[in-house]
């Protein structure tokens, strides 16, 4: 048996030796084409598309509205400001009436030429049969040309230590409302004859790679990303759908943070809007485009090492943040008496 195996190996080596130069040239050409494809893909995303002003009322309709969920978090606020700067009237959704109203007043003070409507709603009630109806009643008469699904949050912890109630709340807030709103808004957008519309779903790089302590969060972000990319294939030529997968976004970014690719919510928002109507999926900001494409081409063993370090590091920082918040709340409660 071993003799036969050795003969087969020898025949293969002789055959390879005979065609070695041709095989080398063929594989060199294939490798070069793959590298060129990746290079032009990255180059295309690095083009400053914001100068072309794709996300504008001229493209999506003068006097039209942008509906934004999760507007009371940092990125949601930044998206509201960025869309207002472009001349869109805003329909802001959130569960905190006071924060929504404060944001509305801020925007009205800065932008006099747009209308702003707020809807106070808790996405944890998305299973309720009246959840979607209450939104429909508020927006039925609005010409909505853009919808941004930004609502969500993060569960970063050991999976077995996460409370079942928290998992249920995260699922209800992140996935079901997005599906329901896309289903209703997409049908509404298709009635806008000969007018472009856009749906932007904010996902995360966490949805692309397995990372310890991110099991629930990563799986939901992967769902948002795949849902958006699949929907883009069937939505039609007049509906621009973008799945955006940013990396690290922080309200305040240090010099060191900038070096590691952190961006501010404002930078993230502007980069997201610059990609609408150009791409169906994007990492957004140019820093994140570079990071994302580097991750795509490096060997899996290095990816595993990176995320094996990243998961515990972020979990540690998250726990430190919780402890600080708990101490602040305790001090506040003590001061009440």
Protein backbone atom coordinates (compact mmCIF):
# COMPACT_ATOMS: atom_id res chain seq x y z
CA UNK A 1 0.00 0.00 0.00
CA UNK A 2 2.80 2.38 0.91
CA UNK A 3 4.50 1.62 -2.41
CA UNK A 4 1.37 2.66 -4.32
CA UNK A 5 1.10 5.87 -2.29
CA UNK A 6 4.74 6.69 -3.01
CA UNK A 7 4.19 6.10 -6.74
CA UNK A 8 1.21 8.44 -6.76
CA UNK A 9 3.24 11.13 -4.98
CA UNK A 10 6.12 10.73 -7.43
CA UNK A 11 3.77 11.01 -10.42
CA UNK A 12 2.25 14.17 -8.93
CA UNK A 13 5.68 15.73 -8.37
CA UNK A 14 6.75 14.92 -11.93
CA UNK A 15 3.53 16.40 -13.30
CA UNK A 16 3.93 19.50 -11.14
CA UNK A 17 7.55 19.89 -12.24
CA UNK A 18 6.49 19.71 -15.86
CA UNK A 19 3.88 22.47 -15.50
CA UNK A 20 5.47 24.39 -12.62
CA UNK A 21 6.10 27.61 -14.52
CA UNK A 22 2.60 27.68 -16.02
CA UNK A 23 0.98 26.97 -12.66
CA UNK A 24 3.04 29.69 -11.01
CA UNK A 25 2.01 32.23 -13.64
CA UNK A 26 -1.68 31.28 -13.39
CA UNK A 27 -1.72 31.55 -9.59
CA UNK A 28 0.22 34.83 -9.76
CA UNK A 29 -2.39 36.30 -12.10
CA UNK A 30 -5.24 35.09 -9.87
CA UNK A 31 -3.55 36.51 -6.76
CA UNK A 32 -2.91 39.83 -8.48
CA UNK A 33 -6.55 40.10 -9.60
CA UNK A 34 -7.78 39.38 -6.06
CA UNK A 35 -5.48 42.05 -4.61
CA UNK A 36 -6.50 44.58 -7.25
CA UNK A 37 -10.18 43.89 -6.57
CA UNK A 38 -9.64 44.48 -2.85
CA UNK A 39 -7.57 47.63 -3.54
CA UNK A 40 -10.23 49.22 -5.76
CA UNK A 41 -12.99 48.23 -3.31
CA UNK A 42 -11.18 50.05 -0.48
CA UNK A 43 -10.31 52.98 -2.75
CA UNK A 44 -13.95 53.31 -3.78
CA UNK A 45 -15.05 53.54 -0.13
CA UNK A 46 -12.33 56.06 0.70
CA UNK A 47 -13.54 58.52 -1.94
CA UNK A 48 -15.01 61.56 -0.10
CA UNK A 49 -18.57 60.86 -1.23
CA UNK A 50 -19.95 63.59 1.05
CA UNK A 51 -18.79 66.15 -1.50
CA UNK A 52 -21.31 64.68 -3.96
CA UNK A 53 -24.18 65.33 -1.49
CA UNK A 54 -26.06 62.11 -2.33
CA UNK A 55 -28.13 62.29 0.85
CA UNK A 56 -30.04 65.49 0.13
CA UNK A 57 -33.61 66.69 -0.45
CA UNK A 58 -32.71 67.09 -4.12
CA UNK A 59 -32.28 63.30 -4.32
CA UNK A 60 -35.01 62.18 -1.94
CA UNK A 61 -37.60 64.93 -2.30
CA UNK A 62 -37.91 68.56 -1.24
CA UNK A 63 -39.87 68.94 1.98
CA UNK A 64 -39.64 65.24 2.80
CA UNK A 65 -39.07 63.79 6.27
CA UNK A 66 -36.42 61.62 7.90
CA UNK A 67 -37.59 59.23 10.61
CA UNK A 68 -34.92 58.31 13.19
CA UNK A 69 -35.15 55.80 16.03
CA UNK A 70 -32.90 55.88 19.07
CA UNK A 71 -32.49 59.65 18.83
CA UNK A 72 -31.69 60.16 22.52
CA UNK A 73 -28.36 58.31 22.33
CA UNK A 74 -25.20 60.00 21.08
CA UNK A 75 -25.24 58.64 17.53
CA UNK A 76 -28.98 59.23 17.17
CA UNK A 77 -28.55 62.90 18.14
CA UNK A 78 -25.67 63.26 15.69
CA UNK A 79 -27.76 61.72 12.89
CA UNK A 80 -30.62 64.11 13.67
CA UNK A 81 -28.29 67.11 13.42
CA UNK A 82 -26.67 65.80 10.24
CA UNK A 83 -30.02 65.26 8.50
CA UNK A 84 -31.31 68.65 9.69
CA UNK A 85 -28.20 70.29 8.20
CA UNK A 86 -29.12 68.72 4.87
CA UNK A 87 -32.62 70.23 5.01
CA UNK A 88 -34.79 67.27 6.02
CA UNK A 89 -37.69 67.66 8.42
CA UNK A 90 -37.35 65.23 11.31
CA UNK A 91 -39.57 62.67 13.01
CA UNK A 92 -37.75 61.62 16.18
CA UNK A 93 -38.62 58.43 18.07
CA UNK A 94 -37.53 57.67 21.62
CA UNK A 95 -38.85 56.51 24.98
CA UNK A 96 -37.71 59.47 27.09
CA UNK A 97 -40.13 62.38 26.58
CA UNK A 98 -37.90 64.92 28.35
CA UNK A 99 -34.80 64.08 26.30
CA UNK A 100 -36.80 64.05 23.07
CA UNK A 101 -38.32 67.44 23.84
CA UNK A 102 -34.93 68.94 24.76
CA UNK A 103 -33.46 67.68 21.48
CA UNK A 104 -36.42 69.11 19.59
CA UNK A 105 -35.90 72.53 21.18
CA UNK A 106 -32.16 72.44 20.40
CA UNK A 107 -32.80 71.57 16.77
CA UNK A 108 -35.53 74.20 16.40
CA UNK A 109 -33.11 76.78 17.74
CA UNK A 110 -30.48 75.85 15.15
CA UNK A 111 -32.63 75.04 12.10
CA UNK A 112 -35.53 77.39 11.35
CA UNK A 113 -36.44 76.00 7.93
CA UNK A 114 -37.51 72.46 8.92
CA UNK A 115 -40.35 70.83 10.85
CA UNK A 116 -39.70 68.53 13.82
CA UNK A 117 -42.11 65.97 15.22
CA UNK A 118 -41.45 63.70 18.20
CA UNK A 119 -43.02 60.37 19.13
CA UNK A 120 -42.50 59.02 22.63
CA UNK A 121 -42.62 55.25 22.49
CA UNK A 122 -40.94 52.36 24.29
CA UNK A 123 -39.61 49.73 21.88
CA UNK A 124 -39.85 47.13 24.65
CA UNK A 125 -43.59 47.19 23.87
CA UNK A 126 -43.00 46.02 20.30
CA UNK A 127 -44.96 42.79 20.91
CA UNK A 128 -48.06 44.86 21.68
CA UNK A 129 -50.54 44.92 18.79
CA UNK A 130 -50.92 48.69 19.21
CA UNK A 131 -47.17 49.37 19.00
CA UNK A 132 -47.02 49.87 15.24
CA UNK A 133 -50.48 51.40 15.05
CA UNK A 134 -49.48 54.20 17.42
CA UNK A 135 -46.54 55.06 15.17
CA UNK A 136 -48.62 54.79 11.98
CA UNK A 137 -51.19 57.22 13.34
CA UNK A 138 -48.45 59.79 13.94
CA UNK A 139 -46.63 59.50 10.60
CA UNK A 140 -49.32 58.44 8.13
CA UNK A 141 -49.56 61.94 6.61
CA UNK A 142 -45.80 62.56 6.51
CA UNK A 143 -43.81 62.17 3.30
CA UNK A 144 -41.03 60.02 4.78
CA UNK A 145 -38.12 59.60 2.39
CA UNK A 146 -35.46 58.37 4.85
CA UNK A 147 -35.65 56.02 7.81
CA UNK A 148 -32.72 55.41 10.16
CA UNK A 149 -32.93 52.45 12.52
CA UNK A 150 -30.48 53.29 15.28
CA UNK A 151 -32.27 52.00 18.37
CA UNK A 152 -30.50 49.34 20.39
CA UNK A 153 -27.87 48.89 23.02
CA UNK A 154 -25.24 46.45 24.11
CA UNK A 155 -25.06 43.36 26.30
CA UNK A 156 -21.45 42.67 27.18
CA UNK A 157 -21.11 39.95 29.81
CA UNK A 158 -20.59 36.26 30.41
CA UNK A 159 -23.60 34.67 28.72
CA UNK A 160 -24.59 32.55 31.73
CA UNK A 161 -24.56 35.63 33.98
CA UNK A 162 -26.94 37.69 31.83
CA UNK A 163 -30.44 37.80 33.28
CA UNK A 164 -33.16 36.33 31.10
CA UNK A 165 -35.21 39.52 31.42
CA UNK A 166 -32.33 41.58 30.01
CA UNK A 167 -31.93 39.23 27.04
CA UNK A 168 -35.66 39.44 26.30
CA UNK A 169 -35.64 43.25 26.50
CA UNK A 170 -32.62 43.45 24.19
CA UNK A 171 -34.27 41.17 21.62
CA UNK A 172 -37.53 43.13 21.73
CA UNK A 173 -35.82 46.51 21.37
CA UNK A 174 -33.26 45.59 18.72
CA UNK A 175 -34.87 43.17 16.28
CA UNK A 176 -38.68 43.15 16.23
CA UNK A 177 -39.24 46.95 15.93
CA UNK A 178 -36.73 47.10 13.07
CA UNK A 179 -38.59 44.39 11.16
CA UNK A 180 -42.00 45.96 11.82
CA UNK A 181 -40.90 49.48 10.87
CA UNK A 182 -39.08 48.34 7.72
CA UNK A 183 -42.15 46.33 6.66
CA UNK A 184 -44.47 49.31 7.07
CA UNK A 185 -42.15 52.10 5.90
CA UNK A 186 -40.96 50.21 2.81
CA UNK A 187 -44.54 49.81 1.60
CA UNK A 188 -45.12 53.50 2.32
CA UNK A 189 -41.97 54.45 0.38
CA UNK A 190 -43.01 52.40 -2.65
CA UNK A 191 -46.09 54.65 -2.94
CA UNK A 192 -43.80 57.66 -3.51
CA UNK A 193 -44.00 57.43 -7.29
CA UNK A 194 -40.80 58.35 -9.17
CA UNK A 195 -39.11 59.45 -5.93
CA UNK A 196 -36.03 57.99 -4.28
CA UNK A 197 -36.15 56.78 -0.67
CA UNK A 198 -33.61 55.33 1.74
CA UNK A 199 -33.46 52.97 4.73
CA UNK A 200 -30.35 53.00 6.92
CA UNK A 201 -29.89 50.23 9.47
CA UNK A 202 -27.05 50.73 11.96
CA UNK A 203 -25.33 47.46 12.80
CA UNK A 204 -21.77 46.91 14.09
CA UNK A 205 -18.48 45.27 13.24
CA UNK A 206 -19.28 42.98 16.19
CA UNK A 207 -21.78 41.21 13.95
CA UNK A 208 -19.06 39.94 11.62
CA UNK A 209 -16.67 38.15 13.97
CA UNK A 210 -17.20 35.94 17.05
CA UNK A 211 -16.00 37.64 20.21
CA UNK A 212 -16.13 36.37 23.82
CA UNK A 213 -18.76 38.05 26.05
CA UNK A 214 -20.49 39.51 22.96
CA UNK A 215 -22.58 36.43 22.12
CA UNK A 216 -26.03 38.05 22.36
CA UNK A 217 -24.98 41.47 21.05
CA UNK A 218 -22.94 40.10 18.11
CA UNK A 219 -25.68 37.72 16.97
CA UNK A 220 -28.28 40.53 16.90
CA UNK A 221 -25.91 42.84 14.99
CA UNK A 222 -25.26 40.04 12.48
CA UNK A 223 -29.02 39.68 12.05
CA UNK A 224 -29.45 43.42 11.34
CA UNK A 225 -26.61 43.36 8.82
CA UNK A 226 -27.82 40.28 6.92
CA UNK A 227 -31.44 41.42 6.99
CA UNK A 228 -30.46 44.78 5.49
CA UNK A 229 -28.23 43.30 2.79
CA UNK A 230 -30.90 40.76 1.83
CA UNK A 231 -33.60 43.43 1.74
CA UNK A 232 -31.43 45.56 -0.55
CA UNK A 233 -31.61 42.78 -3.17
CA UNK A 234 -35.40 42.98 -3.42
CA UNK A 235 -36.32 46.55 -2.45
CA UNK A 236 -36.17 47.96 -5.97
CA UNK A 237 -34.14 50.63 -7.75
CA UNK A 238 -35.88 53.58 -6.06
CA UNK A 239 -35.08 52.40 -2.50
CA UNK A 240 -31.52 52.87 -1.26
CA UNK A 241 -30.77 50.49 1.60
CA UNK A 242 -27.58 50.77 3.62
CA UNK A 243 -26.26 48.46 6.32
CA UNK A 244 -23.55 50.33 8.20
CA UNK A 245 -21.09 48.47 10.44
CA UNK A 246 -19.04 50.98 12.45
CA UNK A 247 -16.24 50.12 14.87
CA UNK A 248 -15.61 52.16 18.02
CA UNK A 249 -17.59 55.39 18.48
CA UNK A 250 -17.13 57.57 21.56
CA UNK A 251 -18.55 60.92 22.62
CA UNK A 252 -15.10 62.27 23.47
CA UNK A 253 -12.02 60.92 21.73
CA UNK A 254 -8.47 61.39 23.02
CA UNK A 255 -5.41 61.66 20.78
CA UNK A 256 -4.59 58.04 21.62
CA UNK A 257 -8.16 57.05 20.83
CA UNK A 258 -7.93 58.69 17.41
CA UNK A 259 -4.79 56.67 16.68
CA UNK A 260 -6.69 53.47 17.50
CA UNK A 261 -9.55 54.38 15.17
CA UNK A 262 -12.08 55.87 17.58
CA UNK A 263 -14.42 58.41 15.98
CA UNK A 264 -17.01 60.80 17.41
CA UNK A 265 -20.78 60.34 16.88
CA UNK A 266 -20.77 63.39 14.60
CA UNK A 267 -18.00 61.92 12.41
CA UNK A 268 -19.86 58.61 12.31
CA UNK A 269 -23.17 60.25 11.34
CA UNK A 270 -21.64 62.33 8.53
CA UNK A 271 -19.83 59.29 7.13
CA UNK A 272 -23.01 57.18 7.23
CA UNK A 273 -25.01 59.74 5.26
CA UNK A 274 -22.21 60.11 2.71
CA UNK A 275 -22.53 56.40 1.81
CA UNK A 276 -26.31 56.35 1.30
CA UNK A 277 -27.23 55.76 -2.33
CA UNK A 278 -23.67 54.66 -3.11
CA UNK A 279 -23.29 51.40 -1.18
CA UNK A 280 -25.58 48.73 0.29
CA UNK A 281 -23.08 47.92 3.04
CA UNK A 282 -20.25 49.97 4.49
CA UNK A 283 -18.05 50.41 7.54
CA UNK A 284 -18.81 54.13 7.34
CA UNK A 285 -15.91 56.39 8.32
CA UNK A 286 -12.64 56.04 6.41
CA UNK A 287 -10.83 54.88 9.57
CA UNK A 288 -13.32 52.08 9.99
CA UNK A 289 -13.12 51.24 6.28
CA UNK A 290 -9.38 50.65 6.65
CA UNK A 291 -9.83 48.67 9.88
CA UNK A 292 -12.59 46.53 8.40
CA UNK A 293 -10.69 45.66 5.24
CA UNK A 294 -7.51 44.89 7.18
CA UNK A 295 -9.53 42.46 9.32
CA UNK A 296 -10.94 40.87 6.17
CA UNK A 297 -7.54 39.99 4.71
CA UNK A 298 -5.46 39.02 7.75
CA UNK A 299 -5.25 35.28 8.59
CA UNK A 300 -7.93 33.86 10.90
CA UNK A 301 -5.39 33.00 13.58
CA UNK A 302 -4.60 36.71 14.08
CA UNK A 303 -8.31 37.60 14.11
CA UNK A 304 -8.89 35.03 16.85
CA UNK A 305 -6.01 36.45 18.87
CA UNK A 306 -7.31 40.00 18.44
CA UNK A 307 -10.90 39.27 19.51
CA UNK A 308 -9.73 36.95 22.28
CA UNK A 309 -7.95 39.98 23.74
CA UNK A 310 -10.68 42.51 22.86
CA UNK A 311 -13.59 40.69 24.53
CA UNK A 312 -12.12 40.48 28.06
CA UNK A 313 -10.66 44.00 27.77
CA UNK A 314 -14.03 45.59 26.92
CA UNK A 315 -15.78 43.48 29.58
CA UNK A 316 -13.31 44.78 32.16
CA UNK A 317 -13.94 48.39 31.11
CA UNK A 318 -17.71 47.79 31.12
CA UNK A 319 -17.60 46.46 34.69
CA UNK A 320 -15.49 49.42 35.81
CA UNK A 321 -18.07 51.76 34.25
CA UNK A 322 -20.91 49.97 36.06
CA UNK A 323 -19.07 50.25 39.38
CA UNK A 324 -18.50 53.99 38.88
CA UNK A 325 -22.15 54.50 37.97
CA UNK A 326 -23.26 52.52 41.02
CA UNK A 327 -21.05 54.66 43.31
CA UNK A 328 -22.39 57.89 41.77
CA UNK A 329 -25.99 56.72 42.21
CA UNK A 330 -25.28 55.71 45.81
CA UNK A 331 -23.77 59.13 46.56
CA UNK A 332 -26.78 60.80 44.93
CA UNK A 333 -29.21 58.73 47.02
CA UNK A 334 -27.30 59.55 50.22
CA UNK A 335 -27.45 63.25 49.43
CA UNK A 336 -31.23 63.06 49.25
CA UNK A 337 -31.44 62.45 53.01
